[in-house]
Structures are given as structure tokens and as C-alpha cells.
Amino acid sequence: MSALTVRLPDDLAEEVAKRAKKLHISRSQYIRRSIETMNKSLYEQERKEKLFAISMRTRKESMKINSEFSNIEHDPKN
């Protein structure tokens, strides 16, 4: 496992210590869990954004196809 030195403002360090103590875990474990939670949240947000972009492209293509079918249905030649 890698070691990492982090400098925190005093008030944040105190809050980390208080919350870690309340959960009966070390400050390091608390910080690790916090980072894991943030990483998971960011991953999920990125995934939603990608799915939304794909959905919009698909929607745009579907609208184009629907328009083409509509033109065919309303064509007096048919």
C-alpha cells in the first residue's frame, strides 16, 4: 500500500478525527473511505453523462428516421 502525506486545515482535520472516532475507525480508514466514496460518485456521474450523450445521439438519429418514415407515409405517390 502506498503512503501519502496530506495537509488539512485544522478544522477539517478535527472533523475527520471526530467522525472517525464516532465510527470507531482510524483517521486513515475514514479518509480512505471518503476518497473511495468520492471516486465512486465521480465514476457514476461520468457514466451518466456518457449514457446521456449516447442517448441524445440515438434520439437524434431516431428523429431523423421517424421524419423519413413520415415523409414516405404522406407521399401522394404511395
PDB file of N, CA and C in Angstrom:
ATOM      1  N   MET A   1       0.854  -1.172   0.000  1.00  0.00           N
ATOM      2  CA  MET A   1       0.000   0.000   0.000  1.00  0.00           C
ATOM      3  C   MET A   1       0.901   1.235   0.000  1.00  0.00           C
ATOM      4  N   SER A   2       0.517   2.221  -0.779  1.00  0.00           N
ATOM      5  CA  SER A   2       1.286   3.465  -0.858  1.00  0.00           C
ATOM      6  C   SER A   2       0.971   4.370   0.321  1.00  0.00           C
ATOM      7  N   ALA A   3       1.951   5.147   0.705  1.00  0.00           N
ATOM      8  CA  ALA A   3       1.763   6.147   1.768  1.00  0.00           C
ATOM      9  C   ALA A   3       1.630   7.507   1.100  1.00  0.00           C
ATOM     10  N   LEU A   4       0.781   8.347   1.684  1.00  0.00           N
ATOM     11  CA  LEU A   4       0.521   9.665   1.134  1.00  0.00           C
ATOM     12  C   LEU A   4       0.407  10.657   2.278  1.00  0.00           C
ATOM     13  N   THR A   5       1.106  11.758   2.163  1.00  0.00           N
ATOM     14  CA  THR A   5       1.014  12.805   3.178  1.00  0.00           C
ATOM     15  C   THR A   5       0.035  13.851   2.701  1.00  0.00           C
ATOM     16  N   VAL A   6      -0.914  14.199   3.560  1.00  0.00           N
ATOM     17  CA  VAL A   6      -1.938  15.180   3.212  1.00  0.00           C
ATOM     18  C   VAL A   6      -1.945  16.266   4.272  1.00  0.00           C
ATOM     19  N   ARG A   7      -1.979  17.504   3.834  1.00  0.00           N
ATOM     20  CA  ARG A   7      -2.097  18.627   4.762  1.00  0.00           C
ATOM     21  C   ARG A   7      -3.542  19.118   4.726  1.00  0.00           C
ATOM     22  N   LEU A   8      -4.150  19.189   5.907  1.00  0.00           N
ATOM     23  CA  LEU A   8      -5.542  19.614   6.029  1.00  0.00           C
ATOM     24  C   LEU A   8      -5.637  20.839   6.917  1.00  0.00           C
ATOM     25  N   PRO A   9      -6.595  21.708   6.631  1.00  0.00           N
ATOM     26  CA  PRO A   9      -6.848  22.808   7.559  1.00  0.00           C
ATOM     27  C   PRO A   9      -7.238  22.216   8.916  1.00  0.00           C
ATOM     28  N   ASP A  10      -6.905  22.924   9.984  1.00  0.00           N
ATOM     29  CA  ASP A  10      -7.155  22.407  11.335  1.00  0.00           C
ATOM     30  C   ASP A  10      -8.605  21.990  11.558  1.00  0.00           C
ATOM     31  N   ASP A  11      -9.546  22.806  11.087  1.00  0.00           N
ATOM     32  CA  ASP A  11     -10.953  22.480  11.327  1.00  0.00           C
ATOM     33  C   ASP A  11     -11.368  21.197  10.605  1.00  0.00           C
ATOM     34  N   LEU A  12     -10.836  20.973   9.421  1.00  0.00           N
ATOM     35  CA  LEU A  12     -11.144  19.752   8.689  1.00  0.00           C
ATOM     36  C   LEU A  12     -10.487  18.540   9.352  1.00  0.00           C
ATOM     37  N   ALA A  13      -9.266  18.701   9.801  1.00  0.00           N
ATOM     38  CA  ALA A  13      -8.571  17.615  10.497  1.00  0.00           C
ATOM     39  C   ALA A  13      -9.320  17.235  11.779  1.00  0.00           C
ATOM     40  N   GLU A  14      -9.830  18.230  12.495  1.00  0.00           N
ATOM     41  CA  GLU A  14     -10.593  17.963  13.720  1.00  0.00           C
ATOM     42  C   GLU A  14     -11.898  17.225  13.402  1.00  0.00           C
ATOM     43  N   GLU A  15     -12.536  17.628  12.321  1.00  0.00           N
ATOM     44  CA  GLU A  15     -13.783  16.955  11.932  1.00  0.00           C
ATOM     45  C   GLU A  15     -13.515  15.508  11.522  1.00  0.00           C
ATOM     46  N   VAL A  16     -12.438  15.282  10.788  1.00  0.00           N
ATOM     47  CA  VAL A  16     -12.061  13.916  10.396  1.00  0.00           C
ATOM     48  C   VAL A  16     -11.843  13.074  11.654  1.00  0.00           C
ATOM     49  N   ALA A  17     -11.083  13.606  12.602  1.00  0.00           N
ATOM     50  CA  ALA A  17     -10.800  12.868  13.838  1.00  0.00           C
ATOM     51  C   ALA A  17     -12.082  12.564  14.605  1.00  0.00           C
ATOM     52  N   LYS A  18     -12.971  13.561  14.700  1.00  0.00           N
ATOM     53  CA  LYS A  18     -14.231  13.391  15.439  1.00  0.00           C
ATOM     54  C   LYS A  18     -15.116  12.331  14.791  1.00  0.00           C
ATOM     55  N   ARG A  19     -15.246  12.402  13.482  1.00  0.00           N
ATOM     56  CA  ARG A  19     -16.115  11.446  12.783  1.00  0.00           C
ATOM     57  C   ARG A  19     -15.510  10.041  12.772  1.00  0.00           C
ATOM     58  N   ALA A  20     -14.208   9.944  12.626  1.00  0.00           N
ATOM     59  CA  ALA A  20     -13.548   8.633  12.656  1.00  0.00           C
ATOM     60  C   ALA A  20     -13.734   7.987  14.029  1.00  0.00           C
ATOM     61  N   LYS A  21     -13.589   8.791  15.061  1.00  0.00           N
ATOM     62  CA  LYS A  21     -13.763   8.271  16.424  1.00  0.00           C
ATOM     63  C   LYS A  21     -15.201   7.779  16.627  1.00  0.00           C
ATOM     64  N   LYS A  22     -16.155   8.539  16.126  1.00  0.00           N
ATOM     65  CA  LYS A  22     -17.561   8.166  16.264  1.00  0.00           C
ATOM     66  C   LYS A  22     -17.849   6.841  15.546  1.00  0.00           C
ATOM     67  N   LEU A  23     -17.161   6.603  14.427  1.00  0.00           N
ATOM     68  CA  LEU A  23     -17.348   5.368  13.669  1.00  0.00           C
ATOM     69  C   LEU A  23     -16.442   4.230  14.160  1.00  0.00           C
ATOM     70  N   HIS A  24     -15.585   4.530  15.130  1.00  0.00           N
ATOM     71  CA  HIS A  24     -14.633   3.556  15.684  1.00  0.00           C
ATOM     72  C   HIS A  24     -13.677   3.027  14.617  1.00  0.00           C
ATOM     73  N   ILE A  25     -13.185   3.965  13.805  1.00  0.00           N
ATOM     74  CA  ILE A  25     -12.185   3.621  12.801  1.00  0.00           C
ATOM     75  C   ILE A  25     -11.055   4.640  12.885  1.00  0.00           C
ATOM     76  N   SER A  26      -9.938   4.321  12.264  1.00  0.00           N
ATOM     77  CA  SER A  26      -8.806   5.259  12.270  1.00  0.00           C
ATOM     78  C   SER A  26      -9.085   6.431  11.325  1.00  0.00           C
ATOM     79  N   ARG A  27      -8.357   7.493  11.519  1.00  0.00           N
ATOM     80  CA  ARG A  27      -8.474   8.638  10.612  1.00  0.00           C
ATOM     81  C   ARG A  27      -8.116   8.214   9.190  1.00  0.00           C
ATOM     82  N   SER A  28      -7.086   7.386   9.067  1.00  0.00           N
ATOM     83  CA  SER A  28      -6.681   6.908   7.742  1.00  0.00           C
ATOM     84  C   SER A  28      -7.807   6.137   7.065  1.00  0.00           C
ATOM     85  N   GLN A  29      -8.457   5.261   7.826  1.00  0.00           N
ATOM     86  CA  GLN A  29      -9.576   4.494   7.275  1.00  0.00           C
ATOM     87  C   GLN A  29     -10.713   5.425   6.872  1.00  0.00           C
ATOM     88  N   TYR A  30     -10.981   6.426   7.691  1.00  0.00           N
ATOM     89  CA  TYR A  30     -12.031   7.394   7.373  1.00  0.00           C
ATOM     90  C   TYR A  30     -11.715   8.128   6.069  1.00  0.00           C
ATOM     91  N   ILE A  31     -10.482   8.583   5.932  1.00  0.00           N
ATOM     92  CA  ILE A  31     -10.067   9.307   4.729  1.00  0.00           C
ATOM     93  C   ILE A  31     -10.103   8.382   3.514  1.00  0.00           C
ATOM     94  N   ARG A  32      -9.655   7.135   3.679  1.00  0.00           N
ATOM     95  CA  ARG A  32      -9.709   6.157   2.588  1.00  0.00           C
ATOM     96  C   ARG A  32     -11.145   5.960   2.106  1.00  0.00           C
ATOM     97  N   ARG A  33     -12.051   5.758   3.054  1.00  0.00           N
ATOM     98  CA  ARG A  33     -13.464   5.569   2.698  1.00  0.00           C
ATOM     99  C   ARG A  33     -14.031   6.814   2.010  1.00  0.00           C
ATOM    100  N   SER A  34     -13.637   7.971   2.483  1.00  0.00           N
ATOM    101  CA  SER A  34     -14.117   9.219   1.885  1.00  0.00           C
ATOM    102  C   SER A  34     -13.650   9.339   0.432  1.00  0.00           C
ATOM    103  N   ILE A  35     -12.410   9.009   0.197  1.00  0.00           N
ATOM    104  CA  ILE A  35     -11.877   9.063  -1.168  1.00  0.00           C
ATOM    105  C   ILE A  35     -12.568   8.026  -2.048  1.00  0.00           C
ATOM    106  N   GLU A  36     -12.764   6.826  -1.518  1.00  0.00           N
ATOM    107  CA  GLU A  36     -13.461   5.788  -2.285  1.00  0.00           C
ATOM    108  C   GLU A  36     -14.878   6.232  -2.645  1.00  0.00           C
ATOM    109  N   THR A  37     -15.551   6.851  -1.690  1.00  0.00           N
ATOM    110  CA  THR A  37     -16.917   7.342  -1.924  1.00  0.00           C
ATOM    111  C   THR A  37     -16.924   8.414  -3.000  1.00  0.00           C
ATOM    112  N   MET A  38     -15.981   9.339  -2.924  1.00  0.00           N
ATOM    113  CA  MET A  38     -15.896  10.408  -3.914  1.00  0.00           C
ATOM    114  C   MET A  38     -15.571   9.841  -5.294  1.00  0.00           C
ATOM    115  N   ASN A  39     -14.644   8.903  -5.357  1.00  0.00           N
ATOM    116  CA  ASN A  39     -14.293   8.288  -6.637  1.00  0.00           C
ATOM    117  C   ASN A  39     -15.492   7.568  -7.249  1.00  0.00           C
ATOM    118  N   LYS A  40     -16.235   6.852  -6.422  1.00  0.00           N
ATOM    119  CA  LYS A  40     -17.422   6.138  -6.898  1.00  0.00           C
ATOM    120  C   LYS A  40     -18.459   7.129  -7.413  1.00  0.00           C
ATOM    121  N   SER A  41     -18.657   8.198  -6.688  1.00  0.00           N
ATOM    122  CA  SER A  41     -19.619   9.221  -7.081  1.00  0.00           C
ATOM    123  C   SER A  41     -19.232   9.849  -8.426  1.00  0.00           C
ATOM    124  N   LEU A  42     -17.965  10.173  -8.578  1.00  0.00           N
ATOM    125  CA  LEU A  42     -17.500  10.768  -9.831  1.00  0.00           C
ATOM    126  C   LEU A  42     -17.625   9.786 -10.988  1.00  0.00           C
ATOM    127  N   TYR A  43     -17.307   8.521 -10.746  1.00  0.00           N
ATOM    128  CA  TYR A  43     -17.434   7.492 -11.776  1.00  0.00           C
ATOM    129  C   TYR A  43     -18.895   7.386 -12.232  1.00  0.00           C
ATOM    130  N   GLU A  44     -19.815   7.357 -11.277  1.00  0.00           N
ATOM    131  CA  GLU A  44     -21.239   7.255 -11.607  1.00  0.00           C
ATOM    132  C   GLU A  44     -21.716   8.486 -12.375  1.00  0.00           C
ATOM    133  N   GLN A  45     -21.228   9.657 -11.988  1.00  0.00           N
ATOM    134  CA  GLN A  45     -21.601  10.889 -12.680  1.00  0.00           C
ATOM    135  C   GLN A  45     -21.082  10.862 -14.122  1.00  0.00           C
ATOM    136  N   GLU A  46     -19.830  10.447 -14.306  1.00  0.00           N
ATOM    137  CA  GLU A  46     -19.254  10.350 -15.647  1.00  0.00           C
ATOM    138  C   GLU A  46     -20.025   9.342 -16.497  1.00  0.00           C
ATOM    139  N   ARG A  47     -20.414   8.231 -15.885  1.00  0.00           N
ATOM    140  CA  ARG A  47     -21.165   7.193 -16.594  1.00  0.00           C
ATOM    141  C   ARG A  47     -22.525   7.736 -17.033  1.00  0.00           C
ATOM    142  N   LYS A  48     -23.200   8.464 -16.163  1.00  0.00           N
ATOM    143  CA  LYS A  48     -24.496   9.063 -16.512  1.00  0.00           C
ATOM    144  C   LYS A  48     -24.341  10.053 -17.665  1.00  0.00           C
ATOM    145  N   GLU A  49     -23.282  10.850 -17.615  1.00  0.00           N
ATOM    146  CA  GLU A  49     -23.049  11.828 -18.680  1.00  0.00           C
ATOM    147  C   GLU A  49     -22.798  11.133 -20.014  1.00  0.00           C
ATOM    148  N   LYS A  50     -22.027  10.043 -20.002  1.00  0.00           N
ATOM    149  CA  LYS A  50     -21.770   9.293 -21.229  1.00  0.00           C
ATOM    150  C   LYS A  50     -23.052   8.668 -21.762  1.00  0.00           C
ATOM    151  N   LEU A  51     -23.843   8.071 -20.869  1.00  0.00           N
ATOM    152  CA  LEU A  51     -25.102   7.462 -21.292  1.00  0.00           C
ATOM    153  C   LEU A  51     -26.065   8.515 -21.841  1.00  0.00           C
ATOM    154  N   PHE A  52     -26.082   9.684 -21.233  1.00  0.00           N
ATOM    155  CA  PHE A  52     -26.940  10.759 -21.711  1.00  0.00           C
ATOM    156  C   PHE A  52     -26.514  11.186 -23.112  1.00  0.00           C
ATOM    157  N   ALA A  53     -25.208  11.329 -23.326  1.00  0.00           N
ATOM    158  CA  ALA A  53     -24.695  11.735 -24.636  1.00  0.00           C
ATOM    159  C   ALA A  53     -25.061  10.688 -25.695  1.00  0.00           C
ATOM    160  N   ILE A  54     -24.903   9.421 -25.350  1.00  0.00           N
ATOM    161  CA  ILE A  54     -25.258   8.342 -26.277  1.00  0.00           C
ATOM    162  C   ILE A  54     -26.764   8.368 -26.555  1.00  0.00           C
ATOM    163  N   SER A  55     -27.543   8.564 -25.506  1.00  0.00           N
ATOM    164  CA  SER A  55     -28.994   8.622 -25.650  1.00  0.00           C
ATOM    165  C   SER A  55     -29.410   9.768 -26.572  1.00  0.00           C
ATOM    166  N   MET A  56     -28.780  10.909 -26.423  1.00  0.00           N
ATOM    167  CA  MET A  56     -29.120  12.062 -27.264  1.00  0.00           C
ATOM    168  C   MET A  56     -28.757  11.798 -28.722  1.00  0.00           C
ATOM    169  N   ARG A  57     -27.617  11.151 -28.964  1.00  0.00           N
ATOM    170  CA  ARG A  57     -27.244  10.808 -30.341  1.00  0.00           C
ATOM    171  C   ARG A  57     -28.254   9.832 -30.935  1.00  0.00           C
ATOM    172  N   THR A  58     -28.649   8.845 -30.142  1.00  0.00           N
ATOM    173  CA  THR A  58     -29.621   7.858 -30.588  1.00  0.00           C
ATOM    174  C   THR A  58     -30.966   8.525 -30.860  1.00  0.00           C
ATOM    175  N   ARG A  59     -31.351   9.419 -29.971  1.00  0.00           N
ATOM    176  CA  ARG A  59     -32.617  10.142 -30.141  1.00  0.00           C
ATOM    177  C   ARG A  59     -32.607  10.958 -31.422  1.00  0.00           C
ATOM    178  N   LYS A  60     -31.502  11.633 -31.677  1.00  0.00           N
ATOM    179  CA  LYS A  60     -31.380  12.455 -32.875  1.00  0.00           C
ATOM    180  C   LYS A  60     -31.524  11.586 -34.125  1.00  0.00           C
ATOM    181  N   GLU A  61     -30.864  10.441 -34.107  1.00  0.00           N
ATOM    182  CA  GLU A  61     -30.943   9.519 -35.245  1.00  0.00           C
ATOM    183  C   GLU A  61     -32.366   8.969 -35.389  1.00  0.00           C
ATOM    184  N   SER A  62     -33.013   8.648 -34.283  1.00  0.00           N
ATOM    185  CA  SER A  62     -34.388   8.146 -34.327  1.00  0.00           C
ATOM    186  C   SER A  62     -35.340   9.199 -34.892  1.00  0.00           C
ATOM    187  N   MET A  63     -35.142  10.443 -34.503  1.00  0.00           N
ATOM    188  CA  MET A  63     -35.991  11.520 -35.013  1.00  0.00           C
ATOM    189  C   MET A  63     -35.824  11.664 -36.522  1.00  0.00           C
ATOM    190  N   LYS A  64     -34.606  11.509 -36.998  1.00  0.00           N
ATOM    191  CA  LYS A  64     -34.325  11.597 -38.426  1.00  0.00           C
ATOM    192  C   LYS A  64     -35.051  10.464 -39.158  1.00  0.00           C
ATOM    193  N   ILE A  65     -34.961   9.259 -38.646  1.00  0.00           N
ATOM    194  CA  ILE A  65     -35.627   8.104 -39.253  1.00  0.00           C
ATOM    195  C   ILE A  65     -37.137   8.284 -39.218  1.00  0.00           C
ATOM    196  N   ASN A  66     -37.673   8.746 -38.088  1.00  0.00           N
ATOM    197  CA  ASN A  66     -39.118   8.997 -37.987  1.00  0.00           C
ATOM    198  C   ASN A  66     -39.573  10.016 -39.024  1.00  0.00           C
ATOM    199  N   SER A  67     -38.781  11.029 -39.233  1.00  0.00           N
ATOM    200  CA  SER A  67     -39.108  12.051 -40.215  1.00  0.00           C
ATOM    201  C   SER A  67     -39.136  11.451 -41.617  1.00  0.00           C
ATOM    202  N   GLU A  68     -38.173  10.600 -41.915  1.00  0.00           N
ATOM    203  CA  GLU A  68     -38.131   9.947 -43.222  1.00  0.00           C
ATOM    204  C   GLU A  68     -39.360   9.063 -43.423  1.00  0.00           C
ATOM    205  N   PHE A  69     -39.739   8.293 -42.402  1.00  0.00           N
ATOM    206  CA  PHE A  69     -40.939   7.454 -42.499  1.00  0.00           C
ATOM    207  C   PHE A  69     -42.190   8.311 -42.667  1.00  0.00           C
ATOM    208  N   SER A  70     -42.238   9.405 -41.949  1.00  0.00           N
ATOM    209  CA  SER A  70     -43.387  10.302 -42.048  1.00  0.00           C
ATOM    210  C   SER A  70     -43.517  10.838 -43.464  1.00  0.00           C
ATOM    211  N   ASN A  71     -42.408  11.205 -44.057  1.00  0.00           N
ATOM    212  CA  ASN A  71     -42.430  11.707 -45.438  1.00  0.00           C
ATOM    213  C   ASN A  71     -42.932  10.637 -46.397  1.00  0.00           C
ATOM    214  N   ILE A  72     -42.524   9.407 -46.177  1.00  0.00           N
ATOM    215  CA  ILE A  72     -42.960   8.303 -47.033  1.00  0.00           C
ATOM    216  C   ILE A  72     -44.458   8.065 -46.857  1.00  0.00           C
ATOM    217  N   GLU A  73     -44.939   8.076 -45.620  1.00  0.00           N
ATOM    218  CA  GLU A  73     -46.356   7.839 -45.340  1.00  0.00           C
ATOM    219  C   GLU A  73     -47.254   8.903 -45.952  1.00  0.00           C
ATOM    220  N   HIS A  74     -46.761  10.124 -46.030  1.00  0.00           N
ATOM    221  CA  HIS A  74     -47.562  11.236 -46.542  1.00  0.00           C
ATOM    222  C   HIS A  74     -47.236  11.572 -47.993  1.00  0.00           C
ATOM    223  N   ASP A  75     -46.506  10.721 -48.638  1.00  0.00           N
ATOM    224  CA  ASP A  75     -46.150  10.937 -50.043  1.00  0.00           C
ATOM    225  C   ASP A  75     -47.361  10.562 -50.908  1.00  0.00           C
ATOM    226  N   PRO A  76     -47.872  11.479 -51.725  1.00  0.00           N
ATOM    227  CA  PRO A  76     -49.060  11.192 -52.542  1.00  0.00           C
ATOM    228  C   PRO A  76     -48.819  10.081 -53.570  1.00  0.00           C
ATOM    229  N   LYS A  77     -47.587   9.763 -53.874  1.00  0.00           N
ATOM    230  CA  LYS A  77     -47.274   8.710 -54.838  1.00  0.00           C
ATOM    231  C   LYS A  77     -47.601   7.329 -54.284  1.00  0.00           C
ATOM    232  N   ASN A  78     -47.686   7.203 -52.925  1.00  0.00           N
ATOM    233  CA  ASN A  78     -47.919   5.889 -52.300  1.00  0.00           C
ATOM    234  C   ASN A  78     -49.364   5.654 -52.050  1.00  0.00           C
TER     235      ASN A  78
END
